[in-house]
């Protein structure tokens, strides 16, 4: 049997992280350990987790980062802390479905050569309700459909396209002991990690079933003016090589999708010069003539904020 470590990063969301932990405790294939890295400035999350520790048969290790490590360093600290031979990363506002670990460990058992396994994500709203139509569209846009089950995409294509999700995947712990999140590219660290796993050729395996729930909430980081994830992702994509015909198509698609928010994020977090280069690029194209394009021109010129 595999020993699966689950790691969870959290910041000032005690109720949600407790829900995330409970989804780990309800697995049909019990985890070896659960480790939480908490960047919260207070002890509210600590107190909530202590209540779970009293009744759990599964070890729950709590680490309070003081001072806070921030996202990438928190993840890397947890990577170093795991003792299982497989690791699952989970965000504090997301959830594992009860059969997630069993499904993913079975994939490893049946396919010994794979390095990373993952399934589909349900999209849930702030209240935790599943948005079924949105979920299907969401997964389809990331090549998570029957057509691509298994290792149809190359490792590079899986990383480039984000077929490997931002969390909820299972990875060999030996990989994360040597391949860490970058701490020098803002919120692009999440995408860059999956992309780099693909560049380095680790064997990806997509399981065509739902294994987790991905929450889209009003207080998500992506809604913040300090977020630069789309902009940093755009820069990575722009410089990504075209190894295959499909990779070329994926790159064009993703650059076109990321360009609008990358412009806005560059204005708020980086530089207006960089924003202008995207605004007038072929990846934004004729959308510059649309109402939103005109709004971005006004934002770039400083007439609105």
Protein backbone atom coordinates (compact mmCIF):
# COMPACT_ATOMS: atom_id res chain seq x y z
CA UNK A 1 0.00 0.00 0.00
CA UNK A 2 1.05 3.54 -0.69
CA UNK A 3 1.49 6.05 2.11
CA UNK A 4 -0.29 9.21 0.99
CA UNK A 5 0.51 12.53 2.62
CA UNK A 6 -2.02 15.34 2.16
CA UNK A 7 -0.73 18.88 2.52
CA UNK A 8 -2.94 21.94 2.92
CA UNK A 9 -1.93 25.60 2.85
CA UNK A 10 -4.24 28.02 4.65
CA UNK A 11 -4.63 31.68 5.52
CA UNK A 12 -7.41 33.09 7.73
CA UNK A 13 -10.10 30.64 6.63
CA UNK A 14 -10.66 28.40 9.69
CA UNK A 15 -14.12 27.17 8.71
CA UNK A 16 -13.09 26.27 5.18
CA UNK A 17 -9.85 24.54 6.15
CA UNK A 18 -11.75 22.40 8.67
CA UNK A 19 -14.11 21.39 5.86
CA UNK A 20 -11.10 20.59 3.65
CA UNK A 21 -9.54 18.44 6.39
CA UNK A 22 -12.82 16.62 6.96
CA UNK A 23 -12.91 15.73 3.25
CA UNK A 24 -9.49 14.13 3.76
CA UNK A 25 -10.61 12.21 6.84
CA UNK A 26 -13.60 10.76 4.96
CA UNK A 27 -11.49 9.03 2.31
CA UNK A 28 -12.21 5.38 1.43
CA UNK A 29 -8.41 5.04 1.22
CA UNK A 30 -7.17 6.70 4.44
CA UNK A 31 -4.24 9.09 4.15
CA UNK A 32 -1.00 8.38 5.97
CA UNK A 33 -0.89 11.91 7.36
CA UNK A 34 -2.37 15.40 6.90
CA UNK A 35 -0.08 18.41 7.26
CA UNK A 36 -1.35 22.00 7.44
CA UNK A 37 0.82 25.05 6.85
CA UNK A 38 -0.95 28.08 8.35
CA UNK A 39 0.05 31.65 7.49
CA UNK A 40 -2.70 33.21 9.62
CA UNK A 41 -1.59 35.93 12.06
CA UNK A 42 -3.93 34.70 14.81
CA UNK A 43 -4.69 31.38 16.56
CA UNK A 44 -8.28 30.89 15.36
CA UNK A 45 -7.31 28.29 12.75
CA UNK A 46 -5.01 26.55 15.22
CA UNK A 47 -7.82 26.21 17.76
CA UNK A 48 -10.20 24.80 15.15
CA UNK A 49 -7.68 22.20 14.01
CA UNK A 50 -6.88 21.20 17.60
CA UNK A 51 -10.49 20.02 17.94
CA UNK A 52 -10.06 17.73 14.93
CA UNK A 53 -6.76 16.40 16.24
CA UNK A 54 -8.48 15.20 19.42
CA UNK A 55 -10.79 12.83 17.57
CA UNK A 56 -8.84 11.86 14.44
CA UNK A 57 -7.24 8.43 14.01
CA UNK A 58 -5.14 9.90 11.20
CA UNK A 59 -2.18 12.09 12.22
CA UNK A 60 -2.91 15.77 11.65
CA UNK A 61 0.23 17.87 11.87
CA UNK A 62 -0.27 21.61 12.26
CA UNK A 63 2.49 24.12 11.48
CA UNK A 64 1.90 27.79 12.29
CA UNK A 65 4.22 29.93 10.18
CA UNK A 66 5.34 32.97 12.16
CA UNK A 67 6.14 35.10 10.32
CA UNK A 68 4.03 34.02 7.37
CA UNK A 69 5.88 32.25 4.57
CA UNK A 70 3.51 33.28 1.75
CA UNK A 71 2.15 30.85 -0.82
CA UNK A 72 5.19 29.39 -2.58
CA UNK A 73 7.43 29.09 0.49
CA UNK A 74 4.55 27.59 2.47
CA UNK A 75 4.07 24.90 -0.18
CA UNK A 76 7.80 24.20 -0.32
CA UNK A 77 7.95 23.88 3.46
CA UNK A 78 5.15 21.32 3.32
CA UNK A 79 6.88 19.47 0.48
CA UNK A 80 9.90 19.07 2.76
CA UNK A 81 7.72 17.91 5.67
CA UNK A 82 5.92 15.00 4.01
CA UNK A 83 6.88 11.45 4.96
CA UNK A 84 4.56 9.50 2.64
CA UNK A 85 5.68 8.16 -0.72
CA UNK A 86 2.79 9.96 -2.50
CA UNK A 87 1.59 13.50 -1.87
CA UNK A 88 -1.67 15.33 -2.55
CA UNK A 89 -1.74 19.13 -2.41
CA UNK A 90 -5.09 20.65 -1.42
CA UNK A 91 -6.13 24.29 -1.10
CA UNK A 92 -7.90 25.29 2.09
CA UNK A 93 -11.12 26.19 0.26
CA UNK A 94 -11.25 23.07 -1.94
CA UNK A 95 -12.35 19.52 -1.16
CA UNK A 96 -11.52 15.95 -2.05
CA UNK A 97 -14.34 13.62 -3.03
CA UNK A 98 -14.51 10.52 -0.76
CA UNK A 99 -13.00 8.15 -3.33
CA UNK A 100 -10.23 10.49 -4.53
CA UNK A 101 -7.26 8.78 -2.88
CA UNK A 102 -8.52 5.31 -3.75
CA UNK A 103 -8.98 6.26 -7.41
CA UNK A 104 -5.59 7.90 -7.74
CA UNK A 105 -3.64 5.21 -5.85
CA UNK A 106 -5.30 2.60 -8.06
CA UNK A 107 -4.00 4.47 -11.10
CA UNK A 108 -0.48 4.27 -9.65
CA UNK A 109 -0.89 0.56 -8.91
CA UNK A 110 -2.09 -0.23 -12.41
CA UNK A 111 0.41 2.06 -14.14
CA UNK A 112 3.71 1.89 -12.23
CA UNK A 113 5.49 4.20 -14.68
CA UNK A 114 3.34 7.27 -13.95
CA UNK A 115 4.58 10.10 -11.76
CA UNK A 116 1.46 12.25 -11.35
CA UNK A 117 -2.24 11.30 -11.40
CA UNK A 118 -5.32 13.54 -11.36
CA UNK A 119 -9.00 13.58 -12.21
CA UNK A 120 -11.70 16.13 -12.94
CA UNK A 121 -12.74 18.97 -10.64
CA UNK A 122 -16.30 19.92 -9.81
CA UNK A 123 -16.71 23.69 -9.75
CA UNK A 124 -18.53 24.74 -6.58
CA UNK A 125 -19.78 28.15 -5.53
CA UNK A 126 -19.07 29.96 -2.30
CA UNK A 127 -21.79 27.95 -0.53
CA UNK A 128 -20.34 24.65 -1.72
CA UNK A 129 -23.04 23.84 -4.28
CA UNK A 130 -21.86 22.08 -7.43
CA UNK A 131 -22.31 23.95 -10.71
CA UNK A 132 -22.68 20.96 -13.03
CA UNK A 133 -22.75 22.71 -16.43
CA UNK A 134 -19.90 24.98 -15.44
CA UNK A 135 -17.94 21.95 -14.23
CA UNK A 136 -18.25 20.17 -17.58
CA UNK A 137 -17.19 23.26 -19.53
CA UNK A 138 -14.37 23.95 -17.10
CA UNK A 139 -12.86 20.47 -17.39
CA UNK A 140 -13.35 20.33 -21.15
CA UNK A 141 -11.38 23.56 -21.54
CA UNK A 142 -8.46 21.91 -19.70
CA UNK A 143 -8.46 18.71 -21.81
CA UNK A 144 -10.06 16.70 -19.02
CA UNK A 145 -12.46 14.61 -21.07
CA UNK A 146 -12.78 11.00 -22.20
CA UNK A 147 -10.81 11.75 -25.36
CA UNK A 148 -7.71 12.53 -23.30
CA UNK A 149 -7.90 9.93 -20.51
CA UNK A 150 -4.66 8.25 -19.56
CA UNK A 151 -1.52 9.73 -21.07
CA UNK A 152 -2.86 10.89 -24.45
CA UNK A 153 -1.28 14.31 -24.00
CA UNK A 154 2.49 14.40 -23.75
CA UNK A 155 3.88 15.52 -20.40
CA UNK A 156 4.74 18.88 -21.96
CA UNK A 157 1.23 19.33 -23.40
CA UNK A 158 -0.36 18.36 -20.05
CA UNK A 159 1.69 20.98 -18.21
CA UNK A 160 1.30 23.67 -20.88
CA UNK A 161 -2.48 23.25 -21.08
CA UNK A 162 -3.02 22.93 -17.32
CA UNK A 163 -4.58 19.52 -17.73
CA UNK A 164 -2.80 18.88 -14.45
CA UNK A 165 -4.99 20.89 -12.04
CA UNK A 166 -3.74 23.51 -9.60
CA UNK A 167 -4.42 21.17 -6.67
CA UNK A 168 -5.97 17.80 -5.87
CA UNK A 169 -3.39 15.85 -7.88
CA UNK A 170 -1.29 12.98 -6.52
CA UNK A 171 2.45 13.08 -7.13
CA UNK A 172 5.40 10.95 -6.13
CA UNK A 173 6.94 12.54 -3.06
CA UNK A 174 10.45 11.99 -4.39
CA UNK A 175 9.67 14.52 -7.14
CA UNK A 176 8.57 17.32 -4.80
CA UNK A 177 11.63 16.82 -2.64
CA UNK A 178 13.73 18.11 -5.54
CA UNK A 179 11.27 20.13 -7.67
CA UNK A 180 9.92 23.09 -5.73
CA UNK A 181 7.68 26.07 -6.40
CA UNK A 182 9.53 29.16 -7.60
CA UNK A 183 9.41 32.09 -5.20
CA UNK A 184 10.35 34.80 -7.70
CA UNK A 185 7.35 34.94 -10.05
CA UNK A 186 4.51 36.15 -7.84
CA UNK A 187 1.30 34.17 -8.12
CA UNK A 188 2.51 32.52 -11.31
CA UNK A 189 4.23 29.92 -9.12
CA UNK A 190 1.26 27.58 -9.30
CA UNK A 191 1.07 27.39 -13.09
CA UNK A 192 4.83 27.40 -13.48
CA UNK A 193 5.17 24.33 -11.26
CA UNK A 194 2.80 22.25 -13.38
CA UNK A 195 4.38 23.59 -16.57
CA UNK A 196 7.88 22.70 -15.33
CA UNK A 197 6.79 19.18 -14.42
CA UNK A 198 5.77 18.83 -18.04
CA UNK A 199 8.99 20.35 -19.36
CA UNK A 200 10.98 17.89 -17.24
CA UNK A 201 9.01 15.03 -18.76
CA UNK A 202 7.32 13.52 -15.71
CA UNK A 203 4.66 11.00 -16.69
CA UNK A 204 1.19 12.52 -16.30
CA UNK A 205 -1.96 10.39 -16.07
CA UNK A 206 -5.47 11.80 -16.40
CA UNK A 207 -8.30 9.81 -14.78
CA UNK A 208 -11.65 10.49 -16.45
CA UNK A 209 -13.70 10.84 -13.27
CA UNK A 210 -14.32 13.53 -10.66
CA UNK A 211 -11.94 13.47 -7.71
CA UNK A 212 -12.19 16.95 -6.15
CA UNK A 213 -14.18 20.16 -5.79
CA UNK A 214 -12.75 23.51 -6.82
CA UNK A 215 -14.34 26.50 -5.10
CA UNK A 216 -14.87 29.79 -6.91
CA UNK A 217 -15.53 32.38 -4.22
CA UNK A 218 -15.72 36.14 -3.92
CA UNK A 219 -12.66 36.24 -1.64
CA UNK A 220 -10.49 34.04 -3.86
CA UNK A 221 -7.01 35.36 -4.57
CA UNK A 222 -7.82 35.66 -8.29
CA UNK A 223 -10.26 38.48 -7.51
CA UNK A 224 -7.59 40.64 -5.86
CA UNK A 225 -5.88 43.62 -7.47
CA UNK A 226 -2.59 42.28 -6.15
CA UNK A 227 -2.97 39.01 -8.07
CA UNK A 228 -0.66 38.58 -11.05
CA UNK A 229 -1.25 34.89 -11.83
CA UNK A 230 -2.70 35.43 -15.31
CA UNK A 231 0.02 37.93 -16.22
CA UNK A 232 2.83 35.65 -15.05
CA UNK A 233 1.19 32.71 -16.84
CA UNK A 234 0.99 34.79 -20.01
CA UNK A 235 4.73 35.50 -19.84
CA UNK A 236 5.52 31.79 -19.41
CA UNK A 237 3.26 30.86 -22.31
CA UNK A 238 4.70 33.54 -24.56
CA UNK A 239 8.17 32.07 -24.17
CA UNK A 240 7.09 28.41 -24.26
CA UNK A 241 8.55 26.36 -27.14
CA UNK A 242 6.30 24.65 -29.69
CA UNK A 243 7.38 21.04 -29.27
CA UNK A 244 4.37 19.54 -31.06
CA UNK A 245 1.59 20.69 -33.38
CA UNK A 246 -0.90 20.27 -30.52
CA UNK A 247 1.34 22.23 -28.16
CA UNK A 248 1.39 25.08 -30.69
CA UNK A 249 -2.43 25.12 -30.78
CA UNK A 250 -2.62 24.96 -26.98
CA UNK A 251 -0.19 27.85 -26.64
CA UNK A 252 -2.20 30.03 -29.06
CA UNK A 253 -5.45 29.19 -27.28
CA UNK A 254 -4.10 29.93 -23.81
CA UNK A 255 -2.42 33.20 -24.84
CA UNK A 256 -5.70 34.37 -26.39
CA UNK A 257 -7.61 33.39 -23.22
CA UNK A 258 -5.13 34.93 -20.78
CA UNK A 259 -4.48 38.20 -22.62
CA UNK A 260 -7.45 40.24 -21.27
CA UNK A 261 -6.87 39.62 -17.56
CA UNK A 262 -3.09 39.71 -18.09
CA UNK A 263 -3.42 43.28 -19.36
CA UNK A 264 -5.37 44.36 -16.30
CA UNK A 265 -3.05 42.56 -13.89
CA UNK A 266 0.04 44.04 -15.55
CA UNK A 267 -1.39 47.54 -15.08
CA UNK A 268 -2.08 46.96 -11.38
CA UNK A 269 0.98 44.89 -10.43
CA UNK A 270 3.76 45.26 -12.95
CA UNK A 271 4.06 48.00 -15.57
CA UNK A 272 1.90 49.84 -18.06
CA UNK A 273 4.53 49.25 -20.74
CA UNK A 274 4.08 45.49 -20.38
CA UNK A 275 0.30 45.92 -20.37
CA UNK A 276 0.45 47.94 -23.58
CA UNK A 277 2.54 45.25 -25.29
CA UNK A 278 -0.21 42.70 -24.59
CA UNK A 279 -3.03 45.09 -25.45
CA UNK A 280 -1.60 45.65 -28.94
CA UNK A 281 -0.47 42.06 -29.44
CA UNK A 282 -2.16 39.56 -31.81
CA UNK A 283 -3.32 37.65 -28.73
CA UNK A 284 -5.70 40.47 -27.82
CA UNK A 285 -6.30 41.41 -31.43
CA UNK A 286 -9.54 43.03 -32.52
CA UNK A 287 -10.93 42.88 -29.00
CA UNK A 288 -9.23 46.23 -28.52
CA UNK A 289 -12.18 47.69 -30.48
CA UNK A 290 -14.75 46.21 -28.08
CA UNK A 291 -16.22 48.05 -25.06
CA UNK A 292 -13.92 46.08 -22.76
CA UNK A 293 -10.97 46.86 -25.00
CA UNK A 294 -11.81 50.57 -24.80
CA UNK A 295 -12.11 50.26 -21.02
CA UNK A 296 -8.65 48.72 -20.84
CA UNK A 297 -7.28 51.59 -22.95
CA UNK A 298 -8.77 54.06 -20.44
CA UNK A 299 -7.31 52.04 -17.57
CA UNK A 300 -3.92 52.02 -19.25
CA UNK A 301 -4.08 55.77 -19.83
CA UNK A 302 -5.00 56.36 -16.20
CA UNK A 303 -8.43 57.84 -16.83
CA UNK A 304 -10.10 55.14 -14.71
CA UNK A 305 -8.89 52.79 -12.00
